[in-house]
Every structure is written in C-alpha cells, then in structure tokens.
C-alpha atoms as a PDB file:
ATOM      1  CA  UNK A   1       9.792  11.596  19.619  1.00  0.00           C
ATOM      2  CA  UNK A   2      10.364   8.508  17.397  1.00  0.00           C
ATOM      3  CA  UNK A   3      13.409   9.269  16.260  1.00  0.00           C
ATOM      4  CA  UNK A   4      16.734   9.259  19.087  1.00  0.00           C
ATOM      5  CA  UNK A   5      19.987   9.858  18.575  1.00  0.00           C
ATOM      6  CA  UNK A   6      21.744   7.527  21.163  1.00  0.00           C
ATOM      7  CA  UNK A   7      26.127   6.731  22.078  1.00  0.00           C
ATOM      8  CA  UNK A   8      27.622   5.019  23.678  1.00  0.00           C
ATOM      9  CA  UNK A   9      31.178   3.764  25.290  1.00  0.00           C
ATOM     10  CA  UNK A  10      33.328   1.513  24.702  1.00  0.00           C
ATOM     11  CA  UNK A  11      37.151   0.497  25.491  1.00  0.00           C
ATOM     12  CA  UNK A  12      38.369   2.465  22.783  1.00  0.00           C
ATOM     13  CA  UNK A  13      36.394   5.738  23.530  1.00  0.00           C
ATOM     14  CA  UNK A  14      32.875   6.720  22.265  1.00  0.00           C
ATOM     15  CA  UNK A  15      30.860   4.706  19.821  1.00  0.00           C
ATOM     16  CA  UNK A  16      29.492   6.771  16.841  1.00  0.00           C
ATOM     17  CA  UNK A  17      25.503   8.407  17.152  1.00  0.00           C
ATOM     18  CA  UNK A  18      23.323   5.625  16.560  1.00  0.00           C
ATOM     19  CA  UNK A  19      19.473   6.814  15.347  1.00  0.00           C
ATOM     20  CA  UNK A  20      17.283   4.646  17.427  1.00  0.00           C
ATOM     21  CA  UNK A  21      12.938   4.873  15.432  1.00  0.00           C
ATOM     22  CA  UNK A  22      11.276   3.901  18.725  1.00  0.00           C
ATOM     23  CA  UNK A  23       7.695   2.161  17.030  1.00  0.00           C
ATOM     24  CA  UNK A  24       5.264   0.844  20.122  1.00  0.00           C
ATOM     25  CA  UNK A  25       4.549  -1.969  21.434  1.00  0.00           C
ATOM     26  CA  UNK A  26       3.018  -5.027  19.069  1.00  0.00           C
ATOM     27  CA  UNK A  27      -0.101  -4.592  20.511  1.00  0.00           C
ATOM     28  CA  UNK A  28      -0.290  -0.861  20.171  1.00  0.00           C
ATOM     29  CA  UNK A  29       0.565  -1.323  16.491  1.00  0.00           C
ATOM     30  CA  UNK A  30      -1.945  -4.161  15.747  1.00  0.00           C
ATOM     31  CA  UNK A  31      -4.423  -1.965  17.436  1.00  0.00           C
ATOM     32  CA  UNK A  32      -3.821   0.348  14.271  1.00  0.00           C
ATOM     33  CA  UNK A  33      -3.094  -1.248  11.623  1.00  0.00           C
ATOM     34  CA  UNK A  34      -7.131  -3.343  12.172  1.00  0.00           C
ATOM     35  CA  UNK A  35      -9.144   0.412  11.908  1.00  0.00           C
ATOM     36  CA  UNK A  36      -7.341   0.390   8.943  1.00  0.00           C
ATOM     37  CA  UNK A  37      -7.349  -2.251   7.528  1.00  0.00           C
ATOM     38  CA  UNK A  38     -11.169  -2.848   7.949  1.00  0.00           C
ATOM     39  CA  UNK A  39     -11.588   0.784   6.740  1.00  0.00           C
ATOM     40  CA  UNK A  40     -10.069   0.779   3.528  1.00  0.00           C
ATOM     41  CA  UNK A  41      -9.599  -3.125   2.591  1.00  0.00           C
ATOM     42  CA  UNK A  42     -12.804  -5.028   4.239  1.00  0.00           C
ATOM     43  CA  UNK A  43     -15.743  -2.865   4.133  1.00  0.00           C
ATOM     44  CA  UNK A  44     -15.197  -2.079   0.301  1.00  0.00           C
ATOM     45  CA  UNK A  45     -15.013  -6.047  -0.111  1.00  0.00           C
ATOM     46  CA  UNK A  46     -17.829  -6.951   1.522  1.00  0.00           C
ATOM     47  CA  UNK A  47     -20.122  -4.371   0.695  1.00  0.00           C
ATOM     48  CA  UNK A  48     -19.163  -5.018  -3.270  1.00  0.00           C
ATOM     49  CA  UNK A  49     -19.511  -8.515  -2.736  1.00  0.00           C
ATOM     50  CA  UNK A  50     -23.550  -7.755  -1.175  1.00  0.00           C
ATOM     51  CA  UNK A  51     -23.823  -4.985  -4.353  1.00  0.00           C
ATOM     52  CA  UNK A  52     -23.309  -8.043  -6.527  1.00  0.00           C
ATOM     53  CA  UNK A  53     -25.118 -10.140  -4.644  1.00  0.00           C
ATOM     54  CA  UNK A  54     -28.089  -7.508  -4.830  1.00  0.00           C
ATOM     55  CA  UNK A  55     -28.025  -5.961  -8.049  1.00  0.00           C
ATOM     56  CA  UNK A  56     -25.363  -7.485 -10.391  1.00  0.00           C
ATOM     57  CA  UNK A  57     -22.047  -5.747 -11.088  1.00  0.00           C
ATOM     58  CA  UNK A  58     -22.901  -2.303 -10.918  1.00  0.00           C
ATOM     59  CA  UNK A  59     -24.064  -2.506  -7.706  1.00  0.00           C
ATOM     60  CA  UNK A  60     -21.064  -3.774  -6.336  1.00  0.00           C
ATOM     61  CA  UNK A  61     -18.808  -1.421  -7.559  1.00  0.00           C
ATOM     62  CA  UNK A  62     -21.377   1.219  -6.692  1.00  0.00           C
ATOM     63  CA  UNK A  63     -21.256  -0.026  -2.901  1.00  0.00           C
ATOM     64  CA  UNK A  64     -17.885  -0.107  -2.639  1.00  0.00           C
ATOM     65  CA  UNK A  65     -17.205   2.757  -4.460  1.00  0.00           C
ATOM     66  CA  UNK A  66     -19.748   4.851  -2.119  1.00  0.00           C
ATOM     67  CA  UNK A  67     -18.088   3.677   1.207  1.00  0.00           C
ATOM     68  CA  UNK A  68     -14.866   4.371  -0.388  1.00  0.00           C
ATOM     69  CA  UNK A  69     -15.086   7.777  -1.654  1.00  0.00           C
ATOM     70  CA  UNK A  70     -17.154   8.433   1.774  1.00  0.00           C
ATOM     71  CA  UNK A  71     -14.448   7.531   4.035  1.00  0.00           C
ATOM     72  CA  UNK A  72     -11.930   9.158   2.378  1.00  0.00           C
ATOM     73  CA  UNK A  73     -14.360  12.438   2.510  1.00  0.00           C
ATOM     74  CA  UNK A  74     -14.502  12.385   6.217  1.00  0.00           C
ATOM     75  CA  UNK A  75     -10.423  11.270   6.566  1.00  0.00           C
ATOM     76  CA  UNK A  76      -9.800  14.426   4.704  1.00  0.00           C
ATOM     77  CA  UNK A  77     -11.545  16.368   7.370  1.00  0.00           C
ATOM     78  CA  UNK A  78     -10.676  15.077  10.502  1.00  0.00           C
ATOM     79  CA  UNK A  79      -6.858  14.554   9.315  1.00  0.00           C
ATOM     80  CA  UNK A  80      -5.128  11.358   8.957  1.00  0.00           C
ATOM     81  CA  UNK A  81      -5.949   9.830   4.505  1.00  0.00           C
ATOM     82  CA  UNK A  82      -5.677   6.645   4.535  1.00  0.00           C
ATOM     83  CA  UNK A  83      -2.887   4.678   1.905  1.00  0.00           C
ATOM     84  CA  UNK A  84      -5.151   1.886   1.330  1.00  0.00           C
ATOM     85  CA  UNK A  85      -7.909   4.553   0.919  1.00  0.00           C
ATOM     86  CA  UNK A  86      -6.258   6.208  -1.820  1.00  0.00           C
ATOM     87  CA  UNK A  87      -5.755   2.506  -3.765  1.00  0.00           C
ATOM     88  CA  UNK A  88      -9.302   1.628  -2.958  1.00  0.00           C
ATOM     89  CA  UNK A  89     -10.974   4.385  -4.334  1.00  0.00           C
ATOM     90  CA  UNK A  90      -8.068   5.309  -7.442  1.00  0.00           C
ATOM     91  CA  UNK A  91      -8.781   1.253  -8.318  1.00  0.00           C
ATOM     92  CA  UNK A  92     -12.811   1.718  -7.530  1.00  0.00           C
ATOM     93  CA  UNK A  93     -12.905   4.441 -10.653  1.00  0.00           C
ATOM     94  CA  UNK A  94     -11.335   3.200 -13.216  1.00  0.00           C
ATOM     95  CA  UNK A  95     -13.400  -0.150 -12.551  1.00  0.00           C
ATOM     96  CA  UNK A  96     -16.467   1.972 -13.070  1.00  0.00           C
ATOM     97  CA  UNK A  97     -14.913   3.817 -15.778  1.00  0.00           C
ATOM     98  CA  UNK A  98     -14.133   1.129 -17.775  1.00  0.00           C
ATOM     99  CA  UNK A  99     -17.076  -0.811 -17.462  1.00  0.00           C
ATOM    100  CA  UNK A 100     -19.100   2.588 -18.147  1.00  0.00           C
ATOM    101  CA  UNK A 101     -17.390   2.436 -21.647  1.00  0.00           C
ATOM    102  CA  UNK A 102     -18.509  -1.625 -22.368  1.00  0.00           C
ATOM    103  CA  UNK A 103     -20.633  -3.829 -20.803  1.00  0.00           C
ATOM    104  CA  UNK A 104     -18.534  -6.989 -22.549  1.00  0.00           C
ATOM    105  CA  UNK A 105     -17.203  -9.892 -21.078  1.00  0.00           C
ATOM    106  CA  UNK A 106     -13.285  -9.423 -21.792  1.00  0.00           C
ATOM    107  CA  UNK A 107     -13.423  -5.593 -21.079  1.00  0.00           C
ATOM    108  CA  UNK A 108     -14.721  -6.510 -17.799  1.00  0.00           C
ATOM    109  CA  UNK A 109     -12.055  -8.528 -17.304  1.00  0.00           C
ATOM    110  CA  UNK A 110      -9.759  -6.174 -19.069  1.00  0.00           C
ATOM    111  CA  UNK A 111     -10.473  -4.012 -15.513  1.00  0.00           C
ATOM    112  CA  UNK A 112      -8.051  -5.655 -12.761  1.00  0.00           C
ATOM    113  CA  UNK A 113      -4.915  -5.080 -16.188  1.00  0.00           C
ATOM    114  CA  UNK A 114      -5.889  -1.736 -16.581  1.00  0.00           C
ATOM    115  CA  UNK A 115      -6.520  -1.017 -12.108  1.00  0.00           C
ATOM    116  CA  UNK A 116      -3.114  -1.898 -11.867  1.00  0.00           C
ATOM    117  CA  UNK A 117      -1.547  -0.329 -14.558  1.00  0.00           C
ATOM    118  CA  UNK A 118      -3.479   2.805 -13.113  1.00  0.00           C
ATOM    119  CA  UNK A 119      -1.716   1.821  -9.241  1.00  0.00           C
ATOM    120  CA  UNK A 120       1.256   1.578 -11.041  1.00  0.00           C
ATOM    121  CA  UNK A 121       0.763   5.533 -12.168  1.00  0.00           C
ATOM    122  CA  UNK A 122       0.280   6.236  -9.177  1.00  0.00           C
ATOM    123  CA  UNK A 123       2.851   4.888  -6.886  1.00  0.00           C
ATOM    124  CA  UNK A 124       5.202   6.507  -9.530  1.00  0.00           C
ATOM    125  CA  UNK A 125       3.219  10.287  -9.302  1.00  0.00           C
ATOM    126  CA  UNK A 126       3.426  10.165  -5.306  1.00  0.00           C
ATOM    127  CA  UNK A 127       7.239  10.407  -5.837  1.00  0.00           C
ATOM    128  CA  UNK A 128       7.474  13.611  -6.577  1.00  0.00           C
ATOM    129  CA  UNK A 129       5.470  14.402  -2.926  1.00  0.00           C
ATOM    130  CA  UNK A 130       6.673  15.494   0.402  1.00  0.00           C
ATOM    131  CA  UNK A 131       5.849  11.624   1.171  1.00  0.00           C
ATOM    132  CA  UNK A 132       6.016   8.948  -1.604  1.00  0.00           C
ATOM    133  CA  UNK A 133       2.418   6.616  -1.860  1.00  0.00           C
ATOM    134  CA  UNK A 134       5.024   3.994   0.444  1.00  0.00           C
ATOM    135  CA  UNK A 135       5.367   6.223   3.303  1.00  0.00           C
ATOM    136  CA  UNK A 136       2.015   6.482   3.567  1.00  0.00           C
ATOM    137  CA  UNK A 137       1.059   3.624   3.392  1.00  0.00           C
ATOM    138  CA  UNK A 138       3.426   2.446   6.549  1.00  0.00           C
ATOM    139  CA  UNK A 139       2.701   5.216   8.173  1.00  0.00           C
ATOM    140  CA  UNK A 140      -0.825   3.281   8.135  1.00  0.00           C
ATOM    141  CA  UNK A 141       0.302   0.456   9.926  1.00  0.00           C
ATOM    142  CA  UNK A 142       3.404   1.884  11.798  1.00  0.00           C
ATOM    143  CA  UNK A 143       2.977   6.071  13.568  1.00  0.00           C
ATOM    144  CA  UNK A 144       5.802   7.512  11.864  1.00  0.00           C
ATOM    145  CA  UNK A 145       4.991  11.484  12.817  1.00  0.00           C
ATOM    146  CA  UNK A 146       7.213  14.349  11.993  1.00  0.00           C
ATOM    147  CA  UNK A 147       9.313  11.511  10.189  1.00  0.00           C
ATOM    148  CA  UNK A 148       7.786  12.877   6.872  1.00  0.00           C
ATOM    149  CA  UNK A 149      10.164  14.918   6.356  1.00  0.00           C
ATOM    150  CA  UNK A 150      12.857  12.716   7.408  1.00  0.00           C
ATOM    151  CA  UNK A 151      16.401  12.550   4.977  1.00  0.00           C
ATOM    152  CA  UNK A 152      17.213   9.123   5.396  1.00  0.00           C
ATOM    153  CA  UNK A 153      13.440   7.471   5.365  1.00  0.00           C
ATOM    154  CA  UNK A 154      12.338   9.593   2.613  1.00  0.00           C
ATOM    155  CA  UNK A 155      15.583   7.809   0.555  1.00  0.00           C
ATOM    156  CA  UNK A 156      14.038   4.410   2.048  1.00  0.00           C
ATOM    157  CA  UNK A 157      11.066   4.951   1.096  1.00  0.00           C
ATOM    158  CA  UNK A 158      11.673   5.971  -2.799  1.00  0.00           C
ATOM    159  CA  UNK A 159      12.972   2.846  -3.644  1.00  0.00           C
ATOM    160  CA  UNK A 160      10.291   1.280  -1.848  1.00  0.00           C
ATOM    161  CA  UNK A 161       7.557   2.815  -4.249  1.00  0.00           C
ATOM    162  CA  UNK A 162      10.046   2.279  -7.659  1.00  0.00           C
ATOM    163  CA  UNK A 163       9.441  -1.536  -6.565  1.00  0.00           C
ATOM    164  CA  UNK A 164       5.883  -1.234  -6.085  1.00  0.00           C
ATOM    165  CA  UNK A 165       5.078   0.667  -9.111  1.00  0.00           C
ATOM    166  CA  UNK A 166       7.803  -1.836 -11.174  1.00  0.00           C
ATOM    167  CA  UNK A 167       5.102  -4.830  -9.664  1.00  0.00           C
ATOM    168  CA  UNK A 168       1.604  -3.116 -10.650  1.00  0.00           C
ATOM    169  CA  UNK A 169       2.920  -2.619 -14.110  1.00  0.00           C
ATOM    170  CA  UNK A 170       4.534  -6.061 -14.663  1.00  0.00           C
ATOM    171  CA  UNK A 171       1.450  -7.528 -13.261  1.00  0.00           C
ATOM    172  CA  UNK A 172      -0.887  -5.182 -15.447  1.00  0.00           C
ATOM    173  CA  UNK A 173       1.577  -6.477 -18.710  1.00  0.00           C
ATOM    174  CA  UNK A 174       0.592 -10.093 -17.947  1.00  0.00           C
ATOM    175  CA  UNK A 175      -2.721  -9.722 -16.966  1.00  0.00           C
ATOM    176  CA  UNK A 176      -3.426  -8.034 -20.598  1.00  0.00           C
ATOM    177  CA  UNK A 177      -0.785 -11.054 -21.543  1.00  0.00           C
ATOM    178  CA  UNK A 178      -3.003 -14.172 -20.297  1.00  0.00           C
ATOM    179  CA  UNK A 179      -6.523 -12.405 -22.041  1.00  0.00           C
ATOM    180  CA  UNK A 180      -5.486 -12.068 -24.839  1.00  0.00           C
ATOM    181  CA  UNK A 181      -3.589 -15.678 -24.723  1.00  0.00           C
ATOM    182  CA  UNK A 182      -5.417 -18.504 -22.622  1.00  0.00           C
ATOM    183  CA  UNK A 183      -9.040 -18.354 -22.413  1.00  0.00           C
ATOM    184  CA  UNK A 184     -11.875 -16.954 -19.248  1.00  0.00           C
ATOM    185  CA  UNK A 185     -10.730 -19.879 -16.479  1.00  0.00           C
ATOM    186  CA  UNK A 186      -7.639 -20.561 -17.456  1.00  0.00           C
ATOM    187  CA  UNK A 187      -6.967 -16.453 -17.207  1.00  0.00           C
ATOM    188  CA  UNK A 188      -8.926 -16.296 -13.933  1.00  0.00           C
ATOM    189  CA  UNK A 189      -6.374 -19.183 -12.270  1.00  0.00           C
ATOM    190  CA  UNK A 190      -3.141 -18.012 -13.469  1.00  0.00           C
ATOM    191  CA  UNK A 191      -3.875 -14.598 -12.793  1.00  0.00           C
ATOM    192  CA  UNK A 192      -4.726 -15.011  -9.039  1.00  0.00           C
ATOM    193  CA  UNK A 193      -1.743 -17.098  -8.562  1.00  0.00           C
ATOM    194  CA  UNK A 194       0.723 -14.843 -10.397  1.00  0.00           C
ATOM    195  CA  UNK A 195      -0.139 -12.671  -8.380  1.00  0.00           C
ATOM    196  CA  UNK A 196      -0.315 -13.848  -5.208  1.00  0.00           C
ATOM    197  CA  UNK A 197       3.462 -14.923  -5.966  1.00  0.00           C
ATOM    198  CA  UNK A 198       4.219 -11.968  -7.711  1.00  0.00           C
ATOM    199  CA  UNK A 199       2.779  -9.684  -4.868  1.00  0.00           C
ATOM    200  CA  UNK A 200       4.668 -11.953  -2.308  1.00  0.00           C
ATOM    201  CA  UNK A 201       8.103 -11.259  -3.837  1.00  0.00           C
ATOM    202  CA  UNK A 202       7.667  -8.043  -3.766  1.00  0.00           C
ATOM    203  CA  UNK A 203       6.484  -7.991   0.548  1.00  0.00           C
ATOM    204  CA  UNK A 204       9.841  -9.616   0.862  1.00  0.00           C
ATOM    205  CA  UNK A 205      11.334  -7.908  -0.861  1.00  0.00           C
ATOM    206  CA  UNK A 206      10.247  -4.442   0.261  1.00  0.00           C
ATOM    207  CA  UNK A 207      10.786  -5.980   4.044  1.00  0.00           C
ATOM    208  CA  UNK A 208      14.831  -6.443   2.894  1.00  0.00           C
ATOM    209  CA  UNK A 209      14.706  -2.835   1.404  1.00  0.00           C
ATOM    210  CA  UNK A 210      13.394  -1.581   4.674  1.00  0.00           C
ATOM    211  CA  UNK A 211      15.875  -3.345   6.884  1.00  0.00           C
ATOM    212  CA  UNK A 212      18.801  -3.077   4.746  1.00  0.00           C
ATOM    213  CA  UNK A 213      17.852   0.777   4.145  1.00  0.00           C
ATOM    214  CA  UNK A 214      17.964   1.923   8.262  1.00  0.00           C
ATOM    215  CA  UNK A 215      21.202  -0.350   8.580  1.00  0.00           C
ATOM    216  CA  UNK A 216      22.895   1.651   5.754  1.00  0.00           C
ATOM    217  CA  UNK A 217      21.227   5.029   6.887  1.00  0.00           C
ATOM    218  CA  UNK A 218      22.532   4.320  10.801  1.00  0.00           C
ATOM    219  CA  UNK A 219      18.715   4.109  11.573  1.00  0.00           C
ATOM    220  CA  UNK A 220      18.292   1.644  14.527  1.00  0.00           C
ATOM    221  CA  UNK A 221      14.365  -0.244  15.401  1.00  0.00           C
ATOM    222  CA  UNK A 222      12.827  -0.885  18.775  1.00  0.00           C
ATOM    223  CA  UNK A 223       9.354  -1.052  20.589  1.00  0.00           C
ATOM    224  CA  UNK A 224       7.630  -0.509  23.344  1.00  0.00           C
ATOM    225  CA  UNK A 225       8.662   2.782  25.595  1.00  0.00           C
ATOM    226  CA  UNK A 226      12.062   3.608  26.174  1.00  0.00           C
ATOM    227  CA  UNK A 227      13.727   3.204  29.304  1.00  0.00           C
ATOM    228  CA  UNK A 228      14.487   6.052  32.279  1.00  0.00           C
END
C-alpha cells in the first residue's frame, strides 16, 4: 500500500502513529513522468509548429488538437486520463473557438488571455469532484492509486487547486491589461516574462503547501520499497 502506518518506541513510551506515503524510487518516477510529458506537452507543441509551418495558424492548431483529442480518447478507453492532456484539450479548443470567431491580430493575441481564464475555471470546476485537477496532475507523475479518496490528501490538493485557479485568473487579467496598454512586441515580451515568473512562484508555493500539508496531517514521504 502507498500509505502505511508506523509506530515506534522511545524512552517515554510509544511514539504516536506516523502515516508514511511511500513512493517509488526516483528513477521509476522519471520513467512514469516522461511519457506523460511527451504525450501532453511535447507532441502537441511539436505538431503545432509543424502544422504552422505547413498551413499557418489553423494548420498548427488543428494538428495539435487532433493529436490531443486522439490521445485523450485512447486514455479514456484504456484508463488513466492525464491531467496534462485535459489542460491541452481545453486550451486548444478555446483557441480554435476564438480564432473561428474572429481572425484579427488582436483576437489572435487575446487567445492566451481567454485560455488562461478557461483554465482557472477548469481548476475551480474540478473541486466538487472526487479528485481535484491538481490531484489528477500530481497522479500523472506520482502513483497515488488507492489514495484518491484519502481525506488528508484531498484537503492538501484542494488548497493547491484553488492556488492555481487564482494564478490563471491573475495571468489572464495581466495579459488583458498588457494587450490594451502596450504594443504587440511589448505585450509578447512582457507577458512571457511575467507568466514565467508567476508560474515559477506558484510552483514553489505549491511544493511548500504540499510539504506543510503533509507535515500538518502527520504524513511522511519515503522513496523506494519498504524495508522488510
């Protein structure tokens, strides 16, 4: 079982129960994460640029969306839907919709703004479900089988999900503001730098929330197989 309860003995008596979240070795985690990243990030990105080179913006978006929808359909059939794929499909679908409504340059650059707002809504919409989106994304990289209903972990990922919803809403607002108050070149440069900085801070905050949440709920993380 990934979660184990341990007790120990000290001079004053029995040490309180400690819940151990036992994860595979680092190498096994990397072997699990690489296919998820290739399927949900690298392939859609590569196909977008290939399609863009062959057929312009529409060619790129259709190529990436067809791949993502096909990969999502396969995952739904065989099991193990990837959170990264869900995000890719939502983002690409919104961009295709926005481009279809208007092909103007301003609307084209507005797509990331709309997409980030949509991602914020997706994160919030996942909260009533049995497993929040941040919980599902974590499961893409770390096996948490059997832990989706564990109340302690659900509370930790609930807070992380709310954090990322707020991050995407903030980035959407900042992108909208920059688009209306700066030129296209400045918008692209400023938005890229701000987005990278905000997401880096959010990742650090997520790690801190996860670690502090584990400590608060009495869960310790251990890697590798349990000693016999």
